[in-house]
């Protein structure tokens, strides 16, 4: 359930900010529980959500 929310938010971020966001990754704890979404922007900036 939680991971599906992270996947959905990751897709939304890429769709809504496609002019500046080039990639997103879901970072997880060793247990597999999602921790945060990491967005990579066109200017080499990384944004953790």
C-alpha atoms as a PDB file:
ATOM      1  CA  UNK A   1       0.000   0.000   0.000  1.00  0.00           C
ATOM      2  CA  UNK A   2       2.644   2.540   1.038  1.00  0.00           C
ATOM      3  CA  UNK A   3       4.900   1.675  -1.891  1.00  0.00           C
ATOM      4  CA  UNK A   4       2.023   2.195  -4.342  1.00  0.00           C
ATOM      5  CA  UNK A   5       1.573   5.706  -2.945  1.00  0.00           C
ATOM      6  CA  UNK A   6       5.277   6.430  -3.460  1.00  0.00           C
ATOM      7  CA  UNK A   7       5.091   5.093  -7.031  1.00  0.00           C
ATOM      8  CA  UNK A   8       2.054   7.264  -7.760  1.00  0.00           C
ATOM      9  CA  UNK A   9       3.692  10.377  -6.290  1.00  0.00           C
ATOM     10  CA  UNK A  10       6.849   9.695  -8.252  1.00  0.00           C
ATOM     11  CA  UNK A  11       4.856   9.527 -11.500  1.00  0.00           C
ATOM     12  CA  UNK A  12       2.998  12.721 -10.635  1.00  0.00           C
ATOM     13  CA  UNK A  13       6.264  14.556  -9.949  1.00  0.00           C
ATOM     14  CA  UNK A  14       7.716  13.498 -13.302  1.00  0.00           C
ATOM     15  CA  UNK A  15       4.533  14.370 -15.201  1.00  0.00           C
ATOM     16  CA  UNK A  16       3.882  17.724 -13.548  1.00  0.00           C
ATOM     17  CA  UNK A  17       7.505  18.865 -13.634  1.00  0.00           C
ATOM     18  CA  UNK A  18       8.642  17.212 -16.852  1.00  0.00           C
ATOM     19  CA  UNK A  19      10.279  20.462 -17.932  1.00  0.00           C
ATOM     20  CA  UNK A  20      12.820  20.246 -15.075  1.00  0.00           C
ATOM     21  CA  UNK A  21      12.698  16.686 -13.677  1.00  0.00           C
ATOM     22  CA  UNK A  22      14.512  13.994 -15.647  1.00  0.00           C
ATOM     23  CA  UNK A  23      14.355  11.005 -13.299  1.00  0.00           C
ATOM     24  CA  UNK A  24      12.882   9.861 -10.017  1.00  0.00           C
ATOM     25  CA  UNK A  25      13.813   7.019  -7.718  1.00  0.00           C
ATOM     26  CA  UNK A  26      12.141   5.604  -4.653  1.00  0.00           C
ATOM     27  CA  UNK A  27      14.725   5.043  -1.941  1.00  0.00           C
ATOM     28  CA  UNK A  28      13.933   2.329   0.586  1.00  0.00           C
ATOM     29  CA  UNK A  29      15.203   1.088   3.918  1.00  0.00           C
ATOM     30  CA  UNK A  30      17.022  -2.286   3.979  1.00  0.00           C
ATOM     31  CA  UNK A  31      13.705  -3.812   5.073  1.00  0.00           C
ATOM     32  CA  UNK A  32      12.149  -2.654   1.790  1.00  0.00           C
ATOM     33  CA  UNK A  33       9.972   0.051   3.339  1.00  0.00           C
ATOM     34  CA  UNK A  34       9.982   3.186   1.136  1.00  0.00           C
ATOM     35  CA  UNK A  35      11.876   6.071   2.716  1.00  0.00           C
ATOM     36  CA  UNK A  36      11.729   8.938   0.213  1.00  0.00           C
ATOM     37  CA  UNK A  37      11.437   9.942  -3.418  1.00  0.00           C
ATOM     38  CA  UNK A  38      14.559  11.353  -5.014  1.00  0.00           C
ATOM     39  CA  UNK A  39      14.098  13.628  -8.040  1.00  0.00           C
ATOM     40  CA  UNK A  40      16.947  14.406 -10.403  1.00  0.00           C
ATOM     41  CA  UNK A  41      16.621  17.781 -12.096  1.00  0.00           C
ATOM     42  CA  UNK A  42      18.085  19.005 -15.379  1.00  0.00           C
ATOM     43  CA  UNK A  43      20.641  21.228 -13.620  1.00  0.00           C
ATOM     44  CA  UNK A  44      22.105  18.218 -11.712  1.00  0.00           C
ATOM     45  CA  UNK A  45      20.195  19.165  -8.567  1.00  0.00           C
ATOM     46  CA  UNK A  46      18.792  16.376  -6.395  1.00  0.00           C
ATOM     47  CA  UNK A  47      15.569  16.916  -4.460  1.00  0.00           C
ATOM     48  CA  UNK A  48      14.522  14.469  -1.730  1.00  0.00           C
ATOM     49  CA  UNK A  49      10.857  14.323  -0.842  1.00  0.00           C
END
